[in-house]
Amino acid sequence: MQSQNPLIADFVKLANSAAGTFAGMTREARETARERMKEGFGGFDFVSREEFDAVKDMAAKAREENEKVSAKLAELEAKLASKD
């Protein structure tokens, strides 16, 4: 059974409006804070996670190649030393 009391109906409408307004204010505050953070950190030179991971992978490959070249160089130096 639904109440026909206009005072209660008005109170419910007011509460719903207040909740909607509060939710909108929360969203707006969050977006404003996010924009301020972007502006504040805009001068810093940050990289994205994808860029960081790509450079990390490149560095790992370069280390592997360096180890291979170092081993090959040691082998060639050993061969050259044995010829003398």
N, C-alpha and C. Protein backbone atom coordinates (compact mmCIF):
# COMPACT_ATOMS: atom_id res chain seq x y z
N MET A 1 0.84 -1.17 0.00
CA MET A 1 0.00 0.00 0.00
C MET A 1 0.89 1.24 0.00
N GLN A 2 0.61 2.17 -0.85
CA GLN A 2 1.40 3.38 -1.00
C GLN A 2 0.78 4.52 -0.20
N SER A 3 1.62 5.29 0.44
CA SER A 3 1.15 6.40 1.24
C SER A 3 0.72 7.55 0.34
N GLN A 4 -0.37 8.19 0.67
CA GLN A 4 -0.86 9.33 -0.10
C GLN A 4 -0.55 10.66 0.60
N ASN A 5 0.30 10.60 1.61
CA ASN A 5 0.63 11.80 2.36
C ASN A 5 1.54 12.69 1.52
N PRO A 6 1.10 13.91 1.16
CA PRO A 6 1.92 14.78 0.31
C PRO A 6 3.20 15.24 1.00
N LEU A 7 3.17 15.33 2.32
CA LEU A 7 4.37 15.73 3.03
C LEU A 7 5.47 14.68 2.87
N ILE A 8 5.11 13.41 2.97
CA ILE A 8 6.09 12.33 2.79
C ILE A 8 6.57 12.29 1.35
N ALA A 9 5.65 12.47 0.41
CA ALA A 9 6.01 12.46 -1.01
C ALA A 9 6.99 13.59 -1.32
N ASP A 10 6.72 14.78 -0.76
CA ASP A 10 7.63 15.90 -0.97
C ASP A 10 8.99 15.64 -0.34
N PHE A 11 8.98 15.03 0.84
CA PHE A 11 10.24 14.70 1.50
C PHE A 11 11.06 13.70 0.68
N VAL A 12 10.39 12.70 0.11
CA VAL A 12 11.08 11.71 -0.73
C VAL A 12 11.65 12.37 -1.97
N LYS A 13 10.89 13.27 -2.60
CA LYS A 13 11.39 13.99 -3.77
C LYS A 13 12.61 14.83 -3.41
N LEU A 14 12.53 15.50 -2.27
CA LEU A 14 13.64 16.33 -1.80
C LEU A 14 14.87 15.48 -1.54
N ALA A 15 14.68 14.31 -0.91
CA ALA A 15 15.81 13.42 -0.62
C ALA A 15 16.42 12.90 -1.91
N ASN A 16 15.60 12.53 -2.88
CA ASN A 16 16.11 12.06 -4.17
C ASN A 16 16.88 13.16 -4.89
N SER A 17 16.35 14.37 -4.86
CA SER A 17 17.05 15.49 -5.49
C SER A 17 18.37 15.77 -4.80
N ALA A 18 18.37 15.72 -3.48
CA ALA A 18 19.61 15.96 -2.74
C ALA A 18 20.64 14.89 -3.06
N ALA A 19 20.21 13.63 -3.16
CA ALA A 19 21.13 12.55 -3.48
C ALA A 19 21.71 12.74 -4.88
N GLY A 20 20.87 13.12 -5.83
CA GLY A 20 21.36 13.37 -7.19
C GLY A 20 22.33 14.53 -7.23
N THR A 21 22.01 15.58 -6.51
CA THR A 21 22.89 16.74 -6.45
C THR A 21 24.22 16.38 -5.82
N PHE A 22 24.17 15.62 -4.73
CA PHE A 22 25.39 15.20 -4.05
C PHE A 22 26.25 14.32 -4.97
N ALA A 23 25.61 13.42 -5.70
CA ALA A 23 26.36 12.57 -6.63
C ALA A 23 27.01 13.41 -7.72
N GLY A 24 26.30 14.40 -8.23
CA GLY A 24 26.85 15.29 -9.25
C GLY A 24 28.01 16.10 -8.71
N MET A 25 27.87 16.58 -7.48
CA MET A 25 28.95 17.34 -6.86
C MET A 25 30.18 16.47 -6.66
N THR A 26 29.97 15.21 -6.30
CA THR A 26 31.08 14.28 -6.10
C THR A 26 31.82 14.04 -7.41
N ARG A 27 31.07 13.81 -8.48
CA ARG A 27 31.68 13.62 -9.80
C ARG A 27 32.46 14.85 -10.22
N GLU A 28 31.86 16.01 -10.03
CA GLU A 28 32.52 17.25 -10.42
C GLU A 28 33.79 17.48 -9.60
N ALA A 29 33.73 17.21 -8.31
CA ALA A 29 34.92 17.37 -7.46
C ALA A 29 36.01 16.40 -7.89
N ARG A 30 35.65 15.18 -8.22
CA ARG A 30 36.62 14.19 -8.65
C ARG A 30 37.29 14.63 -9.96
N GLU A 31 36.48 15.10 -10.90
CA GLU A 31 37.04 15.55 -12.18
C GLU A 31 37.92 16.78 -11.99
N THR A 32 37.51 17.69 -11.14
CA THR A 32 38.32 18.88 -10.87
C THR A 32 39.65 18.49 -10.25
N ALA A 33 39.60 17.58 -9.29
CA ALA A 33 40.85 17.12 -8.65
C ALA A 33 41.75 16.43 -9.67
N ARG A 34 41.16 15.64 -10.53
CA ARG A 34 41.95 14.95 -11.56
C ARG A 34 42.61 15.95 -12.50
N GLU A 35 41.87 16.97 -12.90
CA GLU A 35 42.43 18.01 -13.78
C GLU A 35 43.55 18.78 -13.08
N ARG A 36 43.35 19.09 -11.81
CA ARG A 36 44.40 19.80 -11.07
C ARG A 36 45.65 18.96 -10.94
N MET A 37 45.47 17.65 -10.74
CA MET A 37 46.63 16.76 -10.66
C MET A 37 47.37 16.73 -11.99
N LYS A 38 46.62 16.66 -13.08
CA LYS A 38 47.26 16.66 -14.40
C LYS A 38 48.03 17.95 -14.62
N GLU A 39 47.42 19.08 -14.24
CA GLU A 39 48.11 20.36 -14.39
C GLU A 39 49.35 20.42 -13.51
N GLY A 40 49.23 19.92 -12.28
CA GLY A 40 50.35 19.96 -11.35
C GLY A 40 51.50 19.09 -11.79
N PHE A 41 51.18 17.92 -12.31
CA PHE A 41 52.23 17.00 -12.74
C PHE A 41 52.59 17.17 -14.20
N GLY A 42 51.97 18.11 -14.87
CA GLY A 42 52.22 18.32 -16.30
C GLY A 42 53.66 18.68 -16.60
N GLY A 43 54.33 19.36 -15.68
CA GLY A 43 55.71 19.76 -15.92
C GLY A 43 56.70 18.63 -15.76
N PHE A 44 56.28 17.53 -15.11
CA PHE A 44 57.17 16.39 -14.93
C PHE A 44 57.20 15.55 -16.20
N ASP A 45 58.26 14.83 -16.37
CA ASP A 45 58.44 14.03 -17.58
C ASP A 45 58.17 12.56 -17.26
N PHE A 46 56.90 12.22 -17.10
CA PHE A 46 56.51 10.84 -16.81
C PHE A 46 56.31 10.07 -18.10
N VAL A 47 56.49 8.76 -18.02
CA VAL A 47 56.22 7.90 -19.17
C VAL A 47 55.09 6.97 -18.80
N SER A 48 54.43 6.46 -19.83
CA SER A 48 53.33 5.53 -19.59
C SER A 48 53.90 4.15 -19.23
N ARG A 49 53.07 3.32 -18.67
CA ARG A 49 53.50 1.97 -18.29
C ARG A 49 53.92 1.18 -19.53
N GLU A 50 53.22 1.37 -20.64
CA GLU A 50 53.55 0.66 -21.88
C GLU A 50 54.93 1.06 -22.38
N GLU A 51 55.23 2.36 -22.33
CA GLU A 51 56.55 2.82 -22.76
C GLU A 51 57.64 2.27 -21.85
N PHE A 52 57.38 2.27 -20.54
CA PHE A 52 58.35 1.74 -19.59
C PHE A 52 58.62 0.27 -19.85
N ASP A 53 57.55 -0.52 -20.06
CA ASP A 53 57.73 -1.95 -20.31
C ASP A 53 58.47 -2.20 -21.61
N ALA A 54 58.21 -1.38 -22.63
CA ALA A 54 58.90 -1.54 -23.92
C ALA A 54 60.40 -1.28 -23.75
N VAL A 55 60.76 -0.23 -23.05
CA VAL A 55 62.18 0.08 -22.84
C VAL A 55 62.84 -0.97 -21.96
N LYS A 56 62.10 -1.49 -20.98
CA LYS A 56 62.62 -2.54 -20.11
C LYS A 56 62.93 -3.80 -20.94
N ASP A 57 62.03 -4.15 -21.86
CA ASP A 57 62.27 -5.30 -22.74
C ASP A 57 63.46 -5.06 -23.66
N MET A 58 63.57 -3.84 -24.17
CA MET A 58 64.71 -3.52 -25.04
C MET A 58 66.02 -3.63 -24.27
N ALA A 59 66.03 -3.17 -23.02
CA ALA A 59 67.25 -3.25 -22.21
C ALA A 59 67.62 -4.70 -21.93
N ALA A 60 66.63 -5.55 -21.67
CA ALA A 60 66.91 -6.96 -21.42
C ALA A 60 67.50 -7.62 -22.67
N LYS A 61 66.95 -7.30 -23.83
CA LYS A 61 67.49 -7.85 -25.09
C LYS A 61 68.91 -7.34 -25.33
N ALA A 62 69.16 -6.07 -25.03
CA ALA A 62 70.50 -5.51 -25.22
C ALA A 62 71.50 -6.19 -24.29
N ARG A 63 71.08 -6.49 -23.05
CA ARG A 63 71.98 -7.20 -22.13
C ARG A 63 72.30 -8.60 -22.65
N GLU A 64 71.30 -9.28 -23.18
CA GLU A 64 71.53 -10.63 -23.74
C GLU A 64 72.51 -10.56 -24.91
N GLU A 65 72.30 -9.59 -25.79
CA GLU A 65 73.20 -9.43 -26.94
C GLU A 65 74.61 -9.09 -26.46
N ASN A 66 74.72 -8.24 -25.45
CA ASN A 66 76.01 -7.87 -24.91
C ASN A 66 76.74 -9.09 -24.36
N GLU A 67 76.01 -9.95 -23.66
CA GLU A 67 76.62 -11.17 -23.12
C GLU A 67 77.10 -12.09 -24.25
N LYS A 68 76.31 -12.20 -25.32
CA LYS A 68 76.71 -13.03 -26.46
C LYS A 68 77.96 -12.47 -27.12
N VAL A 69 77.98 -11.16 -27.33
CA VAL A 69 79.13 -10.53 -27.98
C VAL A 69 80.37 -10.66 -27.09
N SER A 70 80.18 -10.49 -25.78
CA SER A 70 81.32 -10.62 -24.86
C SER A 70 81.89 -12.04 -24.90
N ALA A 71 81.00 -13.03 -24.95
CA ALA A 71 81.46 -14.42 -25.01
C ALA A 71 82.19 -14.67 -26.33
N LYS A 72 81.67 -14.17 -27.42
CA LYS A 72 82.30 -14.34 -28.73
C LYS A 72 83.67 -13.64 -28.76
N LEU A 73 83.76 -12.45 -28.18
CA LEU A 73 85.01 -11.72 -28.13
C LEU A 73 86.05 -12.49 -27.31
N ALA A 74 85.63 -13.03 -26.18
CA ALA A 74 86.56 -13.82 -25.35
C ALA A 74 87.05 -15.04 -26.11
N GLU A 75 86.16 -15.66 -26.86
CA GLU A 75 86.53 -16.83 -27.67
C GLU A 75 87.55 -16.44 -28.74
N LEU A 76 87.29 -15.34 -29.44
CA LEU A 76 88.21 -14.89 -30.49
C LEU A 76 89.56 -14.47 -29.89
N GLU A 77 89.54 -13.82 -28.74
CA GLU A 77 90.80 -13.43 -28.10
C GLU A 77 91.60 -14.65 -27.67
N ALA A 78 90.89 -15.69 -27.21
CA ALA A 78 91.57 -16.92 -26.83
C ALA A 78 92.20 -17.59 -28.03
N LYS A 79 91.49 -17.61 -29.16
CA LYS A 79 92.04 -18.19 -30.39
C LYS A 79 93.26 -17.39 -30.86
N LEU A 80 93.17 -16.07 -30.79
CA LEU A 80 94.28 -15.21 -31.20
C LEU A 80 95.48 -15.40 -30.28
N ALA A 81 95.25 -15.56 -29.02
CA ALA A 81 96.34 -15.75 -28.05
C ALA A 81 97.01 -17.11 -28.26
N SER A 82 96.25 -18.11 -28.66
CA SER A 82 96.83 -19.44 -28.88
C SER A 82 97.66 -19.49 -30.15
N LYS A 83 97.45 -18.61 -31.11
CA LYS A 83 98.24 -18.57 -32.33
C LYS A 83 99.61 -17.98 -32.09
N ASP A 84 99.73 -17.14 -31.07
CA ASP A 84 101.03 -16.48 -30.81
C ASP A 84 102.01 -17.41 -30.22
